[in-house]
Protein backbone atom coordinates (compact mmCIF):
# COMPACT_ATOMS: atom_id res chain seq x y z
CA MET A 1 80.65 106.72 122.32
CA ARG A 2 78.19 106.71 119.45
CA ALA A 3 79.03 105.21 116.06
CA GLY A 4 80.85 107.73 113.93
CA GLU A 5 82.44 109.59 116.87
CA GLN A 6 86.17 109.73 117.44
CA GLU A 7 87.97 109.74 120.78
CA LEU A 8 88.52 113.23 122.20
CA GLY A 9 92.07 114.41 121.61
CA GLU A 10 92.61 112.63 118.30
CA THR A 11 93.90 114.77 115.45
CA PRO A 12 91.03 115.75 113.13
CA ARG A 13 91.35 114.42 109.61
CA SER A 14 91.64 116.80 106.67
CA ASP A 15 91.83 114.72 103.51
CA GLY A 16 90.01 117.01 101.10
CA PRO A 17 86.41 116.83 100.00
CA ALA A 18 84.47 114.28 101.99
CA SER A 19 81.80 111.96 100.77
CA THR A 20 79.52 113.10 103.61
CA VAL A 21 78.77 116.83 104.08
CA VAL A 22 76.90 118.46 106.90
CA VAL A 23 75.25 121.81 106.11
CA THR A 24 73.62 123.95 108.74
CA GLY A 25 71.30 126.71 107.59
CA ALA A 26 70.61 124.55 104.53
CA ALA A 27 67.30 126.27 103.80
CA GLY A 28 68.81 129.75 103.89
CA TRP A 29 70.03 132.00 101.18
CA LEU A 30 73.53 130.54 100.90
CA GLY A 31 72.45 127.11 102.10
CA GLN A 32 70.08 126.47 99.23
CA ASN A 33 72.63 127.41 96.64
CA LEU A 34 75.30 125.45 98.39
CA VAL A 35 73.24 122.27 98.73
CA ARG A 36 72.22 122.35 95.04
CA THR A 37 75.85 122.73 94.02
CA LEU A 38 76.81 119.78 96.19
CA THR A 39 74.25 117.56 94.45
CA GLY A 40 76.11 118.25 91.24
CA GLN A 41 79.26 116.58 92.64
CA PRO A 42 79.14 112.83 92.10
CA THR A 43 81.64 112.13 94.93
CA ARG A 44 79.17 113.34 97.56
CA GLN A 45 77.33 110.35 98.84
CA ARG A 46 75.41 111.99 101.75
CA ILE A 47 74.36 115.57 102.22
CA ARG A 48 73.02 116.06 105.77
CA CYS A 49 71.04 119.29 106.10
CA LEU A 50 69.71 121.12 109.17
CA VAL A 51 66.59 123.20 108.50
CA ARG A 52 64.12 124.99 110.75
CA ASP A 53 60.77 123.53 109.69
CA SER A 54 59.13 120.70 107.81
CA GLY A 55 58.25 122.90 104.82
CA ASP A 56 61.93 123.61 104.25
CA ALA A 57 62.61 119.92 104.58
CA SER A 58 60.14 119.02 101.90
CA ARG A 59 61.57 121.51 99.45
CA LEU A 60 65.11 120.18 99.86
CA GLU A 61 64.35 116.40 99.98
CA VAL A 62 62.88 116.47 96.45
CA VAL A 63 66.13 117.95 94.99
CA ASP A 64 68.22 114.79 95.32
CA PRO A 65 67.93 111.45 97.05
CA ARG A 66 71.34 111.94 98.73
CA ILE A 67 69.94 114.83 100.80
CA GLU A 68 69.05 113.83 104.36
CA VAL A 69 67.16 116.51 106.24
CA ILE A 70 67.04 117.04 110.04
CA VAL A 71 64.38 119.50 111.19
CA GLY A 72 65.41 121.44 114.23
CA ASP A 73 67.03 124.50 115.74
CA VAL A 74 70.76 125.03 115.72
CA ARG A 75 70.44 125.89 119.43
CA ASP A 76 68.92 122.50 120.25
CA PRO A 77 71.50 119.89 121.29
CA THR A 78 69.13 117.03 120.40
CA ALA A 79 68.78 118.31 116.84
CA ILE A 80 72.51 118.75 116.48
CA ASP A 81 73.13 115.24 117.80
CA ALA A 82 70.73 113.93 115.11
CA LEU A 83 72.45 115.99 112.45
CA PHE A 84 75.85 114.45 113.19
CA GLU A 85 74.63 110.89 113.87
CA GLY A 86 76.82 108.54 111.86
CA ALA A 87 78.63 111.48 110.13
CA GLY A 88 82.16 110.50 111.00
CA GLY A 89 84.80 112.29 108.91
CA ALA A 90 82.24 114.64 107.32
CA SER A 91 82.95 118.10 105.98
CA VAL A 92 80.91 120.67 107.89
CA MET A 93 79.68 123.89 106.26
CA HIS A 94 78.25 126.02 109.04
CA ALA A 95 75.95 128.67 107.49
CA ALA A 96 73.17 128.80 110.10
CA ALA A 97 72.92 132.36 111.46
CA VAL A 98 70.47 135.18 112.28
CA ILE A 99 71.16 138.49 110.62
CA HIS A 100 67.93 140.40 111.48
CA PRO A 101 66.27 139.04 114.64
CA ALA A 102 62.46 139.28 114.79
CA ARG A 103 62.54 141.46 117.89
CA ARG A 104 65.17 140.78 120.50
CA VAL A 105 68.99 141.26 120.23
CA ARG A 106 69.55 138.24 122.43
CA GLU A 107 68.70 135.93 119.53
CA LEU A 108 71.83 137.08 117.67
CA PHE A 109 74.00 135.65 120.45
CA ASP A 110 71.93 132.51 121.11
CA VAL A 111 71.97 131.46 117.48
CA ASN A 112 75.25 132.85 116.16
CA VAL A 113 77.37 132.11 119.14
CA GLY A 114 75.58 129.36 121.09
CA GLY A 115 74.61 127.53 117.91
CA THR A 116 78.23 127.73 116.60
CA GLN A 117 79.51 126.28 119.83
CA LEU A 118 77.19 123.31 119.63
CA VAL A 119 78.02 122.59 116.02
CA LEU A 120 81.78 122.85 116.70
CA ASP A 121 81.49 120.45 119.62
CA ARG A 122 79.56 117.81 117.66
CA ALA A 123 81.89 118.22 114.65
CA ARG A 124 84.87 117.59 116.87
CA ARG A 125 83.22 114.48 118.35
CA VAL A 126 82.73 112.86 114.96
CA GLY A 127 86.18 113.80 113.67
CA ALA A 128 85.06 116.20 110.96
CA SER A 129 87.57 116.41 108.15
CA ARG A 130 87.00 120.18 107.62
CA PHE A 131 84.89 122.85 109.26
CA VAL A 132 84.03 125.87 107.05
CA HIS A 133 82.49 128.69 109.05
CA VAL A 134 80.51 131.41 107.28
CA SER A 135 81.16 134.69 109.05
CA SER A 136 80.41 138.25 107.95
CA ASN A 137 81.87 141.72 107.34
CA SER A 138 80.22 142.93 110.50
CA PRO A 139 83.03 142.06 112.92
CA PHE A 140 85.01 144.78 111.11
CA GLY A 141 82.41 147.59 111.08
CA ALA A 142 82.81 150.22 108.42
CA ASN A 143 85.87 151.41 106.49
CA ARG A 144 87.68 154.57 107.47
CA SER A 145 87.20 156.09 104.02
CA SER A 146 85.58 155.32 100.69
CA ALA A 147 89.04 154.32 99.34
CA ASP A 148 89.78 151.90 102.12
CA ARG A 149 89.35 148.12 101.98
CA PHE A 150 89.46 145.52 104.68
CA ASP A 151 91.92 142.63 104.35
CA GLU A 152 92.55 139.60 106.54
CA ASP A 153 94.95 141.65 108.76
CA SER A 154 92.44 144.46 109.45
CA PRO A 155 91.60 144.99 113.13
CA PHE A 156 88.26 143.90 114.46
CA ALA A 157 85.73 146.77 115.15
CA PRO A 158 82.37 144.97 115.38
CA TYR A 159 79.32 146.88 114.34
CA MET A 160 76.43 146.61 116.77
CA ALA A 161 75.24 143.35 118.30
CA TYR A 162 75.36 141.35 115.11
CA GLY A 163 79.02 142.24 114.62
CA ARG A 164 79.87 141.28 118.19
CA ALA A 165 78.02 138.05 117.93
CA LYS A 166 79.70 137.09 114.64
CA LEU A 167 83.12 138.09 116.14
CA GLU A 168 82.54 135.80 119.14
CA ALA A 169 81.60 132.94 116.75
CA GLU A 170 84.82 133.48 114.78
CA GLN A 171 86.82 133.38 117.99
CA LEU A 172 85.23 130.07 118.99
CA VAL A 173 86.13 128.65 115.60
CA GLN A 174 89.69 129.91 115.77
CA ARG A 175 90.17 128.56 119.28
CA SER A 176 88.94 125.18 118.10
CA TYR A 177 91.67 125.17 115.41
CA ASP A 178 94.35 126.45 117.78
CA ARG A 179 93.59 123.63 120.24
CA GLY A 180 93.86 121.08 117.50
CA ASP A 181 90.23 120.12 117.78
CA LEU A 182 89.23 120.72 114.15
CA ALA A 183 90.63 121.67 110.78
CA THR A 184 88.83 125.01 110.30
CA VAL A 185 88.53 127.77 107.71
CA ILE A 186 86.56 130.97 108.09
CA VAL A 187 85.02 132.76 105.10
CA ARG A 188 83.83 136.36 105.37
CA PRO A 189 81.17 137.37 102.83
CA PRO A 190 79.62 140.77 102.63
CA TRP A 191 76.06 141.58 101.34
CA PHE A 192 74.66 138.60 99.37
CA TYR A 193 72.59 138.68 96.23
CA GLY A 194 71.31 135.89 94.04
CA PRO A 195 68.60 133.16 93.75
CA PHE A 196 66.89 131.77 96.81
CA GLN A 197 66.88 135.23 98.37
CA PRO A 198 64.75 136.07 101.44
CA GLU A 199 61.75 138.32 101.30
CA ARG A 200 63.73 141.37 102.47
CA GLN A 201 65.84 141.21 99.34
CA THR A 202 62.83 140.92 97.04
CA GLN A 203 61.36 143.98 98.81
CA PHE A 204 64.67 145.77 98.17
CA LEU A 205 64.52 145.00 94.43
CA SER A 206 60.91 146.14 94.34
CA ALA A 207 61.72 149.46 96.07
CA VAL A 208 64.55 150.13 93.61
CA ARG A 209 62.22 149.37 90.68
CA ARG A 210 59.79 151.98 92.00
CA GLY A 211 62.37 154.61 92.85
CA ARG A 212 61.56 154.29 96.54
CA PHE A 213 64.81 152.94 97.92
CA PRO A 214 66.88 155.69 99.72
CA LEU A 215 70.24 156.82 98.48
CA VAL A 216 71.87 158.02 101.66
CA GLY A 217 74.53 160.71 101.19
CA PRO A 218 76.35 161.16 97.89
CA GLY A 219 76.11 157.48 96.81
CA THR A 220 79.90 157.23 96.33
CA GLN A 221 80.20 155.11 99.45
CA ARG A 222 81.17 151.62 98.28
CA ARG A 223 79.91 148.22 99.16
CA SER A 224 81.48 144.87 98.58
CA MET A 225 78.83 142.35 97.52
CA VAL A 226 78.91 138.68 96.65
CA TYR A 227 76.78 136.69 94.24
CA THR A 228 75.65 133.52 95.88
CA GLY A 229 77.32 131.42 93.19
CA ASN A 230 80.65 133.18 93.76
CA LEU A 231 80.29 132.59 97.53
CA VAL A 232 79.56 128.90 97.02
CA GLN A 233 82.72 128.65 94.98
CA GLY A 234 84.64 130.22 97.90
CA VAL A 235 83.13 127.88 100.46
CA LEU A 236 83.99 124.79 98.48
CA LEU A 237 87.55 126.02 97.87
CA ALA A 238 87.88 126.63 101.61
CA GLU A 239 86.80 122.99 102.15
CA ARG A 240 89.35 121.63 99.69
CA VAL A 241 92.55 123.71 99.84
CA GLU A 242 94.90 122.21 102.42
CA SER A 243 96.89 125.39 102.98
CA ALA A 244 93.71 127.24 103.99
CA LEU A 245 93.60 125.49 107.34
CA GLY A 246 93.43 127.83 110.30
CA ASN A 247 92.88 130.90 108.08
CA ALA A 248 90.12 133.37 107.33
CA TYR A 249 89.31 134.79 103.86
CA TRP A 250 87.20 137.56 102.41
CA ILE A 251 84.91 136.19 99.70
CA ALA A 252 83.25 138.78 97.52
CA ASP A 253 82.81 139.95 93.94
CA ALA A 254 85.89 141.20 92.14
CA GLU A 255 85.54 144.86 93.12
CA PRO A 256 83.40 146.94 95.51
CA TYR A 257 80.49 148.92 93.94
CA ALA A 258 79.55 152.55 94.64
CA LEU A 259 76.07 152.45 96.14
CA ARG A 260 74.62 154.71 93.43
CA ASP A 261 75.98 152.22 90.88
CA VAL A 262 74.35 149.33 92.75
CA LEU A 263 70.96 150.96 92.41
CA ARG A 264 71.60 151.79 88.72
CA THR A 265 72.67 148.23 87.93
CA ILE A 266 69.58 146.79 89.60
CA ARG A 267 67.43 149.07 87.46
CA ASP A 268 69.27 147.86 84.37
CA ALA A 269 68.86 144.24 85.38
CA LEU A 270 65.10 144.68 85.91
CA GLU A 271 64.72 146.29 82.52
CA ALA A 272 66.84 143.55 80.90
CA GLU A 273 64.31 140.99 82.24
CA GLY A 274 61.41 142.87 80.65
CA LEU A 275 60.17 144.85 83.65
CA SER A 276 59.28 148.53 83.52
CA VAL A 277 61.21 150.73 85.86
CA SER A 278 60.16 154.04 87.35
CA ASN A 279 61.87 157.14 86.00
CA ARG A 280 61.83 158.53 89.50
CA PRO A 281 65.42 159.01 90.86
CA PRO A 282 66.36 157.21 94.09
CA LEU A 283 65.01 158.86 97.21
CA ALA A 284 67.76 161.26 98.29
CA VAL A 285 68.42 161.16 102.01
CA PRO A 286 71.13 163.33 103.64
CA ARG A 287 74.01 161.48 105.29
CA ILE A 288 73.02 162.96 108.72
CA ALA A 289 69.84 160.80 108.60
CA GLY A 290 72.08 157.74 108.52
CA VAL A 291 74.13 159.07 111.44
CA VAL A 292 70.90 159.68 113.45
CA ALA A 293 69.63 156.20 112.54
CA GLU A 294 72.90 154.62 113.76
CA LYS A 295 72.64 156.36 117.12
CA LEU A 296 69.00 155.38 117.49
CA ASP A 297 69.92 151.82 116.57
CA ALA A 298 72.60 151.74 119.22
CA VAL A 299 70.17 152.97 121.88
CA THR A 300 67.45 150.50 120.75
CA GLN A 301 69.85 147.52 120.75
CA ALA A 302 71.22 148.53 124.16
CA SER A 303 67.63 148.09 125.51
CA GLY A 304 67.61 144.58 123.92
CA ARG A 305 65.34 145.45 121.05
CA TYR A 306 65.99 145.35 117.31
CA VAL A 307 64.39 147.40 114.54
CA GLN A 308 65.54 146.26 111.10
CA VAL A 309 64.67 149.40 109.07
CA VAL A 310 66.64 151.60 111.51
CA HIS A 311 69.59 149.25 111.48
CA VAL A 312 69.76 149.13 107.70
CA LEU A 313 69.41 152.92 107.29
CA GLY A 314 72.26 153.42 109.74
CA GLU A 315 74.58 151.24 107.66
CA LEU A 316 73.74 152.76 104.24
CA LYS A 317 75.86 155.84 104.81
CA ASP A 318 79.07 153.77 105.15
CA THR A 319 81.66 152.19 102.90
CA ILE A 320 82.00 148.48 103.67
CA ALA A 321 84.52 147.08 101.26
CA CYS A 322 86.99 144.24 101.24
CA ASP A 323 90.06 143.02 99.33
CA ILE A 324 89.83 139.46 98.01
CA SER A 325 93.48 139.23 96.98
CA ARG A 326 94.40 136.60 99.54
CA ALA A 327 91.49 134.35 98.61
CA ARG A 328 92.57 134.59 95.00
CA LYS A 329 96.17 133.79 95.80
CA GLU A 330 95.76 131.08 98.38
CA LEU A 331 92.43 129.46 97.46
CA GLY A 332 92.44 130.03 93.74
CA TYR A 333 89.13 131.89 94.18
CA GLU A 334 87.96 133.82 91.06
CA PRO A 335 84.51 135.39 91.06
CA THR A 336 82.86 134.62 87.74
CA VAL A 337 79.57 136.56 88.03
CA ASP A 338 79.29 140.33 88.24
CA LEU A 339 76.53 142.51 89.65
CA PHE A 340 74.54 142.91 86.48
CA ASP A 341 74.41 139.27 85.54
CA GLY A 342 73.87 138.25 89.16
CA MET A 343 70.98 140.70 89.64
CA ARG A 344 69.42 139.45 86.39
CA ALA A 345 69.55 135.91 87.85
CA SER A 346 67.90 137.15 91.07
CA VAL A 347 65.10 138.83 89.05
CA ARG A 348 64.53 135.69 87.00
CA TRP A 349 64.29 133.58 90.13
CA CYS A 350 61.75 136.00 91.57
CA LEU A 351 59.63 136.00 88.39
CA ALA A 352 59.73 132.20 88.13
CA ARG A 353 58.24 132.04 91.62
CA GLY A 354 55.60 134.58 90.82
CA ASP A 355 56.92 137.13 93.20
CA GLN A 356 55.66 140.67 92.77
CA LEU A 357 58.52 143.00 91.94
């Protein structure tokens, strides 16, 4: 048994925030915001980060000397062994995932399910004090109506391969808790926005600015969204609150937004940051186009292939909204940033990087 590992069968410790934190997906959208928040907490002595390439490692290592970066793939047992080496009693924040695979659907299961299993296994071996798993809205599909909201008791109805993969990952985490292997908490965020966004989100903002992003259907369909700073708050509460153990929580902004209001707010945020915005209204697309896209997406994914633009168009027709009441009550979660201010922060981040919006 390596140093830092516990005997199998011992009860995992859950003593609150740990001095050592392990973060997978540390170079991702949530991961970068999370790691930077952790560096602002003096009690954190070591922040172990898993990233995909050396460029990501260099960008994180300069943030704080407590950051220790392992370069590797979450599917690689050797990389996960290195990540957990000497990390006995750590808190684990598992954010590594693939949302839009490059080409093949299989990657969704290899990373989101297989990677989760590897991280759970190594976290158990080192006696992790808490395991916070970042899931998604996709295991629940779309709401039945624009007035409906998911809560923690809503039935699973996974949407496409990503939803099935994230559901399987949740089930692995829950079984780990039920067996007594780990003290786990699952957080379920919807659509992210905020600094450190991927290129696809920057392209989205650019399309809205130019009036080229489609408004599918009437635009009254609602979407829960979550500012990355709000989501980090939820993850850290899930790590700290003792009564959260074994539970899952929706973590989102205070209220869902109508899709037409999302596009309008982005335009307002762009203008507030000094950018000109096209007077062209959003590209109106009939709801039936989204229905056709969903069917095409299903056929394409059944063949093992993935086409991102088709998948996104198929979802835009739907309401995907959640109720955060339980997170407020049990975790003390309270989102502090709304869509306008959060989108302004996103735009500022893009401009500071020199991105073309």
